[in-house]
Amino acid sequence: MEITTYSSIWFRDKSIPVIRARDLANSHTFSLATPVIDTKALKAREQYPKAWEILMNQVQLFKIGSEIFCRDGSELHPLSDKPFLERLLVDGIDFKSGDKDITMPQKFADLMLAKPPKEIPEVDFVAQFPVVTQSGHILSKGCKEGVLCLYGGPPLVVPEKPTEEEAKAALLLIADEFMGELPFDPPYHRNRAIAALLQSFVRPVINGATPLYMFTAPKGGTGKSLLAKCIAQILSGDDGHEVDFEKSKREREEEVVTALNESAVAIIIDNVDKPIKWAFLDKLLTSQVHRPRQKYTHRTKTLQNQALWMLTANAPKVFEDTARRTIEIHMDAKMENPRDRQGFKHNLETWVPEHRKELLEACITVVAYWVSLGGPIYDVP
């Protein structure tokens, strides 16, 4: 069998991962014996554990909530995607009945998926960047203590034990170079924005729910959406998963379920121009998991809720249940037309993506210094 290597996973037909390059990583093409399942020699109840054993030797599998995923570099593919699982099995296993080649038995994938092995690692948090685990270890790759790091960008250079001077320099990059020209009002709300950015790096050590960060301003063009999307860009390399508050409640809930199912790092409810009262959101902000109703996923499912939640609005009216779960980050350019401002040092829309590596290094340096101090808790405005 000819197998060609692509990225971190091998492909038989260049589209579906089959075998991960481990001991043979220095070559490009190999002839390997395909694992066999003999339906004549093995009873039905013995075939499914055998298939799982083969699959786990070929690809990396993780259980997130009630779903099993296959890792492909920095992405995860759900095995509940039946065509995907069937292709994995057909490409990775030769099915036989004695000496005779046969097609994969009907419903084999469904019956196999109904009995997953306990050996599949369970993951509580998926990160696109290095994070702190419960033991204080900064995880930059792989899976440890229920945390899976999928960071696939350029190598990050971070001191193992940052000094106070190194931590201050890192914080200055975040506070001044990144956020320094944003009109926080009062000024200490910049600290809250920094907390929103750093929260995801320490999320695995937070036992409980986290707040909604609400970016507000009296007028549009102040930089609310820009800041929220820049934070998402640093964390995930994109603008985050947006939820449209103008849609119906049902459509919004479906968007949230999609985001959680994809292990979204940042969820942004952008440009809200109506009173903020959404019981579904209030419930999510007090829970680390979400169990969507069957009509959304066709079956009961447990989804991890570890995302950074952000909302932007101009002078919003916020109902009490949501307000109690919210940290406001207010900005005010104190001018009639905030969009008319000029002379910025950086165009953040382009500067942040271009400097994501340095910003990630700065965030991790600050967090690593905090860890070296024992993870103290401070009272801040």
Protein backbone atom coordinates (compact mmCIF):
# COMPACT_ATOMS: atom_id res chain seq x y z
CA MET A 1 0.00 0.00 0.00
CA GLU A 2 1.38 3.40 -0.97
CA ILE A 3 1.03 6.08 1.68
CA THR A 4 2.13 9.65 1.11
CA THR A 5 2.87 11.95 4.04
CA TYR A 6 1.17 15.32 4.23
CA SER A 7 1.75 17.62 7.21
CA SER A 8 1.53 15.69 10.49
CA ILE A 9 -0.80 12.95 9.24
CA TRP A 10 -0.43 10.36 6.50
CA PHE A 11 -3.00 10.02 3.77
CA ARG A 12 -3.77 7.11 1.52
CA ASP A 13 -5.71 9.25 -0.94
CA LYS A 14 -4.57 12.72 0.17
CA SER A 15 -7.92 13.52 1.82
CA ILE A 16 -8.42 11.30 4.86
CA PRO A 17 -5.86 10.72 7.65
CA VAL A 18 -4.76 7.10 7.96
CA ILE A 19 -1.47 6.68 9.81
CA ARG A 20 0.50 9.23 11.82
CA ALA A 21 4.18 9.58 10.98
CA ARG A 22 6.08 8.54 14.09
CA ASP A 23 9.10 6.25 13.78
CA LEU A 24 9.14 6.65 9.98
CA ALA A 25 8.99 10.45 9.94
CA ASN A 26 12.18 10.91 7.93
CA SER A 27 10.83 9.29 4.75
CA HIS A 28 7.98 10.11 2.39
CA THR A 29 6.64 6.88 0.92
CA PHE A 30 6.39 3.42 2.47
CA SER A 31 4.85 0.04 1.79
CA LEU A 32 3.00 -1.08 4.90
CA ALA A 33 0.75 -4.02 5.64
CA THR A 34 -2.79 -2.82 6.19
CA PRO A 35 -4.37 -4.11 9.43
CA VAL A 36 -6.98 -6.80 8.87
CA ILE A 37 -10.31 -7.58 10.50
CA ASP A 38 -11.44 -11.10 9.64
CA THR A 39 -15.20 -11.25 10.18
CA LYS A 40 -15.04 -15.04 9.92
CA ALA A 41 -12.41 -15.45 12.64
CA LEU A 42 -13.75 -12.79 15.00
CA LYS A 43 -17.20 -12.62 16.54
CA ALA A 44 -19.12 -9.39 16.00
CA ARG A 45 -18.54 -8.21 19.57
CA GLU A 46 -14.79 -8.73 19.06
CA GLN A 47 -14.58 -6.79 15.80
CA TYR A 48 -15.42 -3.36 17.21
CA PRO A 49 -12.72 -3.32 19.94
CA LYS A 50 -10.25 -4.52 17.29
CA ALA A 51 -11.28 -1.68 14.98
CA TRP A 52 -10.85 0.85 17.80
CA GLU A 53 -7.42 -0.57 18.60
CA ILE A 54 -6.35 -0.20 14.97
CA LEU A 55 -7.77 3.31 14.71
CA MET A 56 -6.05 4.47 17.91
CA ASN A 57 -2.72 3.28 16.50
CA GLN A 58 -3.28 5.26 13.31
CA VAL A 59 -4.64 8.61 14.46
CA GLN A 60 -4.98 10.66 17.64
CA LEU A 61 -8.43 10.43 19.20
CA PHE A 62 -9.89 12.51 22.02
CA LYS A 63 -13.21 12.55 23.85
CA ILE A 64 -14.60 16.06 24.37
CA GLY A 65 -17.89 16.07 26.23
CA SER A 66 -19.83 13.17 24.72
CA GLU A 67 -18.16 13.46 21.32
CA ILE A 68 -15.06 11.67 19.98
CA PHE A 69 -12.74 13.65 17.70
CA CYS A 70 -9.85 12.80 15.41
CA ARG A 71 -6.98 15.27 15.45
CA ASP A 72 -5.54 16.57 12.18
CA GLY A 73 -2.78 19.04 12.99
CA SER A 74 -4.50 22.04 14.58
CA GLU A 75 -8.01 20.84 13.68
CA LEU A 76 -10.41 18.29 15.12
CA HIS A 77 -12.87 16.16 13.12
CA PRO A 78 -15.87 14.57 14.91
CA LEU A 79 -16.28 10.84 14.40
CA SER A 80 -20.04 11.42 14.53
CA ASP A 81 -19.52 12.58 10.94
CA LYS A 82 -20.39 9.13 9.61
CA PRO A 83 -18.83 9.48 6.12
CA PHE A 84 -15.59 10.65 7.74
CA LEU A 85 -15.46 7.68 10.13
CA GLU A 86 -16.34 5.23 7.36
CA ARG A 87 -13.52 6.59 5.21
CA LEU A 88 -11.10 6.24 8.12
CA LEU A 89 -12.12 2.61 8.56
CA VAL A 90 -12.14 1.71 4.87
CA ASP A 91 -8.78 3.37 4.24
CA GLY A 92 -7.14 2.03 7.39
CA ILE A 93 -8.48 -1.54 7.60
CA ASP A 94 -8.77 -4.44 5.16
CA PHE A 95 -11.98 -6.34 5.87
CA LYS A 96 -11.89 -10.06 5.08
CA SER A 97 -13.96 -13.19 5.52
CA GLY A 98 -11.34 -15.87 5.72
CA ASP A 99 -9.20 -15.43 2.59
CA LYS A 100 -11.83 -13.40 0.79
CA ASP A 101 -11.76 -9.59 0.63
CA ILE A 102 -15.11 -8.04 1.56
CA THR A 103 -16.54 -4.56 1.95
CA MET A 104 -16.97 -3.13 5.40
CA PRO A 105 -20.09 -4.68 6.98
CA GLN A 106 -23.21 -2.53 6.90
CA LYS A 107 -23.64 -0.27 9.94
CA PHE A 108 -20.18 -1.25 11.18
CA ALA A 109 -19.26 2.38 11.88
CA ASP A 110 -22.52 3.03 13.77
CA LEU A 111 -22.15 -0.08 15.94
CA MET A 112 -18.49 0.64 16.58
CA LEU A 113 -19.19 4.25 17.59
CA ALA A 114 -21.80 3.03 20.07
CA LYS A 115 -19.09 1.23 22.04
CA PRO A 116 -16.04 3.50 22.31
CA PRO A 117 -13.14 2.30 24.49
CA LYS A 118 -12.39 3.88 27.85
CA GLU A 119 -8.76 4.38 26.79
CA ILE A 120 -9.58 7.42 24.63
CA PRO A 121 -8.23 10.47 26.53
CA GLU A 122 -10.93 12.80 27.86
CA VAL A 123 -10.41 16.50 27.21
CA ASP A 124 -12.04 19.33 29.17
CA PHE A 125 -10.33 22.23 27.44
CA VAL A 126 -9.10 22.71 23.87
CA ALA A 127 -6.63 25.54 23.22
CA GLN A 128 -5.10 27.01 20.09
CA PHE A 129 -2.26 28.41 22.23
CA PRO A 130 -0.17 27.33 25.26
CA VAL A 131 -2.12 27.28 28.53
CA VAL A 132 -1.61 26.60 32.23
CA THR A 133 -2.76 23.21 33.55
CA GLN A 134 -4.03 22.46 37.04
CA SER A 135 -0.54 21.49 38.21
CA GLY A 136 0.91 24.82 37.04
CA HIS A 137 2.55 23.31 33.97
CA ILE A 138 2.48 25.46 30.82
CA LEU A 139 1.32 23.12 28.07
CA SER A 140 2.50 24.10 24.58
CA LYS A 141 1.64 20.89 22.72
CA GLY A 142 -0.11 17.56 23.16
CA CYS A 143 -2.59 16.54 25.84
CA LYS A 144 -2.11 16.65 29.60
CA GLU A 145 -4.41 16.87 32.63
CA GLY A 146 -7.50 17.08 30.45
CA VAL A 147 -6.10 19.93 28.34
CA LEU A 148 -5.41 19.57 24.61
CA CYS A 149 -3.14 22.16 22.97
CA LEU A 150 -3.50 22.41 19.19
CA TYR A 151 -1.10 25.31 18.67
CA GLY A 152 0.45 24.92 15.23
CA GLY A 153 2.08 28.29 14.69
CA PRO A 154 5.78 29.23 14.75
CA PRO A 155 7.79 28.21 17.84
CA LEU A 156 7.25 30.56 20.78
CA VAL A 157 10.22 31.86 22.76
CA VAL A 158 9.24 32.27 26.42
CA PRO A 159 11.50 32.27 29.50
CA GLU A 160 10.98 29.16 31.61
CA LYS A 161 10.98 31.28 34.76
CA PRO A 162 10.45 34.91 33.73
CA THR A 163 11.98 37.65 35.84
CA GLU A 164 9.93 40.61 37.05
CA GLU A 165 11.59 42.78 34.38
CA GLU A 166 10.68 40.28 31.62
CA ALA A 167 7.09 40.15 32.87
CA LYS A 168 6.86 43.96 32.92
CA ALA A 169 8.23 44.20 29.38
CA ALA A 170 5.67 41.63 28.21
CA LEU A 171 2.86 43.50 29.95
CA LEU A 172 3.95 46.75 28.32
CA LEU A 173 3.64 45.16 24.88
CA ILE A 174 0.04 44.21 25.69
CA ALA A 175 -0.99 47.34 27.57
CA ASP A 176 0.82 50.01 25.52
CA GLU A 177 1.64 48.69 22.04
CA PHE A 178 -1.62 46.75 21.65
CA MET A 179 -4.16 48.60 23.80
CA GLY A 180 -2.42 51.91 24.46
CA GLU A 181 -4.39 54.03 21.97
CA LEU A 182 -7.83 52.69 22.83
CA PRO A 183 -9.92 55.28 24.78
CA PHE A 184 -10.72 53.34 27.96
CA ASP A 185 -12.97 55.38 30.24
CA PRO A 186 -12.25 55.14 33.12
CA PRO A 187 -8.59 54.30 32.35
CA TYR A 188 -8.52 51.29 34.68
CA HIS A 189 -10.94 49.49 32.34
CA ARG A 190 -7.84 48.69 30.32
CA ASN A 191 -6.96 46.26 33.15
CA ARG A 192 -10.26 44.51 32.53
CA ALA A 193 -9.48 44.20 28.82
CA ILE A 194 -6.09 42.67 29.68
CA ALA A 195 -7.89 40.25 32.02
CA ALA A 196 -10.22 39.27 29.16
CA LEU A 197 -7.19 38.50 26.99
CA LEU A 198 -5.30 36.56 29.67
CA GLN A 199 -8.31 34.60 30.96
CA SER A 200 -8.08 31.93 28.26
CA PHE A 201 -4.44 31.18 29.10
CA VAL A 202 -5.42 30.24 32.66
CA ARG A 203 -8.93 28.91 31.93
CA PRO A 204 -8.02 25.28 32.78
CA VAL A 205 -7.22 26.28 36.38
CA ILE A 206 -10.48 28.20 36.88
CA ASN A 207 -12.93 25.92 38.66
CA GLY A 208 -16.26 27.33 37.62
CA ALA A 209 -17.90 29.63 35.12
CA THR A 210 -16.36 32.81 33.75
CA PRO A 211 -18.02 36.17 33.02
CA LEU A 212 -19.22 37.86 29.88
CA TYR A 213 -16.90 40.72 28.90
CA MET A 214 -19.08 43.55 27.61
CA PHE A 215 -17.33 46.24 25.54
CA THR A 216 -19.45 49.40 25.63
CA ALA A 217 -19.27 52.96 24.32
CA PRO A 218 -21.67 55.89 23.88
CA LYS A 219 -21.16 55.89 20.11
CA GLY A 220 -20.05 53.62 17.28
CA GLY A 221 -16.53 53.73 15.87
CA THR A 222 -14.87 53.83 19.29
CA GLY A 223 -13.08 50.50 18.89
CA LYS A 224 -15.27 48.00 20.77
CA SER A 225 -15.63 45.44 18.01
CA LEU A 226 -12.04 45.99 16.92
CA LEU A 227 -10.71 45.17 20.39
CA ALA A 228 -12.93 42.09 20.79
CA LYS A 229 -11.87 40.73 17.39
CA CYS A 230 -8.20 41.50 18.06
CA ILE A 231 -8.36 39.52 21.30
CA ALA A 232 -9.92 36.64 19.39
CA GLN A 233 -7.24 36.99 16.71
CA ILE A 234 -4.47 36.61 19.29
CA LEU A 235 -6.13 33.56 20.84
CA SER A 236 -7.25 31.64 17.76
CA GLY A 237 -5.72 33.30 14.72
CA ASP A 238 -9.15 34.42 13.46
CA ASP A 239 -11.89 36.89 14.39
CA GLY A 240 -13.69 34.47 16.68
CA HIS A 241 -17.10 32.85 16.30
CA GLU A 242 -19.76 35.54 15.89
CA VAL A 243 -23.32 35.22 17.14
CA ASP A 244 -25.84 37.55 15.48
CA PHE A 245 -28.12 39.03 18.16
CA GLU A 246 -30.51 40.26 15.45
CA LYS A 247 -31.53 36.70 14.66
CA SER A 248 -34.30 34.81 16.44
CA LYS A 249 -33.56 33.16 19.77
CA ARG A 250 -33.65 29.74 18.15
CA GLU A 251 -31.18 30.76 15.44
CA ARG A 252 -28.88 32.31 18.04
CA GLU A 253 -28.95 29.14 20.11
CA GLU A 254 -28.09 27.10 17.05
CA GLU A 255 -25.10 29.38 16.36
CA VAL A 256 -23.90 28.94 19.95
CA VAL A 257 -24.27 25.15 19.76
CA THR A 258 -22.24 25.16 16.55
CA ALA A 259 -19.53 27.27 18.20
CA LEU A 260 -19.32 25.03 21.28
CA ASN A 261 -19.35 21.91 19.13
CA GLU A 262 -16.32 23.30 17.29
CA SER A 263 -14.57 24.07 20.61
CA ALA A 264 -14.64 27.78 19.80
CA VAL A 265 -11.98 29.76 21.70
CA ALA A 266 -13.81 33.11 21.54
CA ILE A 267 -17.50 33.82 20.98
CA ILE A 268 -18.48 37.40 20.11
CA ILE A 269 -21.99 38.83 20.21
CA ASP A 270 -21.31 41.95 18.18
CA ASN A 271 -23.04 45.32 17.81
CA VAL A 272 -26.08 44.63 19.98
CA ASP A 273 -28.58 47.47 19.63
CA LYS A 274 -31.48 46.15 21.67
CA PRO A 275 -32.06 45.43 25.38
CA ILE A 276 -29.87 42.53 26.49
CA LYS A 277 -32.12 39.90 28.00
CA TRP A 278 -31.41 36.31 26.95
CA ALA A 279 -32.03 33.53 29.47
CA PHE A 280 -30.10 31.05 27.32
CA LEU A 281 -26.95 33.20 27.60
CA ASP A 282 -27.44 33.73 31.33
CA LYS A 283 -27.54 29.97 31.83
CA LEU A 284 -24.40 29.44 29.76
CA LEU A 285 -22.52 32.04 31.79
CA THR A 286 -23.02 29.98 34.95
CA SER A 287 -22.12 26.56 33.54
CA GLN A 288 -18.99 24.84 32.24
CA VAL A 289 -20.99 22.46 30.06
CA HIS A 290 -24.02 22.74 27.81
CA ARG A 291 -26.39 19.92 26.92
CA PRO A 292 -28.34 21.03 23.86
CA ARG A 293 -31.81 19.80 23.27
CA GLN A 294 -32.18 16.92 20.85
CA LYS A 295 -33.71 18.99 18.05
CA TYR A 296 -30.43 20.84 17.58
CA THR A 297 -28.07 17.85 17.37
CA HIS A 298 -30.40 14.91 16.65
CA ARG A 299 -29.17 13.25 19.85
CA THR A 300 -28.25 14.12 23.41
CA LYS A 301 -24.79 15.66 23.59
CA THR A 302 -22.59 17.22 26.25
CA LEU A 303 -20.57 20.22 25.05
CA GLN A 304 -17.76 21.91 26.97
CA ASN A 305 -18.34 25.62 27.55
CA GLN A 306 -14.80 26.99 27.97
CA ALA A 307 -14.93 29.85 25.48
CA LEU A 308 -14.16 33.50 26.13
CA TRP A 309 -17.53 35.29 25.86
CA MET A 310 -17.52 38.88 24.57
CA LEU A 311 -20.31 41.30 23.65
CA THR A 312 -20.16 44.77 22.11
CA ALA A 313 -22.86 47.43 22.31
CA ASN A 314 -23.46 51.18 22.33
CA ALA A 315 -25.02 52.41 25.59
CA PRO A 316 -26.80 49.08 26.15
CA LYS A 317 -29.69 48.37 28.46
CA VAL A 318 -28.71 45.24 30.36
CA PHE A 319 -31.18 43.28 32.45
CA GLU A 320 -30.16 42.27 35.98
CA ASP A 321 -29.57 38.54 35.40
CA THR A 322 -27.08 39.30 32.64
CA ALA A 323 -25.52 42.30 34.42
CA ARG A 324 -24.61 40.12 37.42
CA ARG A 325 -22.63 37.86 35.09
CA THR A 326 -20.89 40.68 33.21
CA ILE A 327 -17.67 42.70 33.42
CA GLU A 328 -18.03 45.99 31.56
CA ILE A 329 -15.13 47.44 29.58
CA HIS A 330 -16.13 50.98 28.66
CA MET A 331 -14.54 53.23 26.03
CA ASP A 332 -15.30 56.84 25.15
CA ALA A 333 -13.42 58.82 22.50
CA LYS A 334 -15.17 62.00 23.76
CA MET A 335 -15.85 63.36 20.31
CA GLU A 336 -18.82 63.68 18.00
CA ASN A 337 -17.45 61.31 15.37
CA PRO A 338 -15.04 58.71 16.85
CA ARG A 339 -14.43 57.29 13.37
CA ASP A 340 -12.73 60.57 12.37
CA ARG A 341 -9.74 59.91 14.65
CA GLN A 342 -6.38 59.71 12.88
CA GLY A 343 -2.68 59.40 13.63
CA PHE A 344 -2.73 55.99 15.27
CA LYS A 345 0.63 54.32 15.86
CA HIS A 346 -0.74 50.94 14.73
CA ASN A 347 -3.57 49.80 12.51
CA LEU A 348 -4.67 47.03 14.85
CA GLU A 349 -6.58 45.16 12.13
CA THR A 350 -3.26 44.36 10.44
CA TRP A 351 -0.77 44.86 13.28
CA VAL A 352 -2.27 42.23 15.60
CA PRO A 353 -2.26 39.35 13.06
CA GLU A 354 1.27 40.32 11.99
CA HIS A 355 2.47 40.32 15.60
CA ARG A 356 0.40 37.42 16.94
CA LYS A 357 3.55 35.45 17.80
CA GLU A 358 5.01 38.28 19.91
CA LEU A 359 1.65 38.91 21.60
CA LEU A 360 1.25 35.23 22.43
CA GLU A 361 4.77 35.19 23.87
CA ALA A 362 3.95 38.26 25.95
CA CYS A 363 0.73 36.73 27.30
CA ILE A 364 2.45 33.47 28.20
CA THR A 365 5.37 35.33 29.83
CA VAL A 366 2.97 37.28 32.07
CA VAL A 367 1.08 34.10 32.95
CA ALA A 368 4.30 32.15 33.57
CA TYR A 369 5.50 34.88 35.94
CA TRP A 370 2.16 34.73 37.76
CA VAL A 371 2.52 30.96 38.07
CA SER A 372 6.08 31.37 39.43
CA LEU A 373 4.65 33.56 42.20
CA GLY A 374 2.23 30.78 43.16
CA GLY A 375 -0.79 32.06 41.26
CA PRO A 376 -1.81 34.81 43.72
CA ILE A 377 -5.26 36.37 43.57
CA TYR A 378 -5.45 40.19 43.51
CA ASP A 379 -8.31 42.60 44.12
CA VAL A 380 -8.49 44.89 41.10
CA PRO A 381 -11.10 47.49 40.01
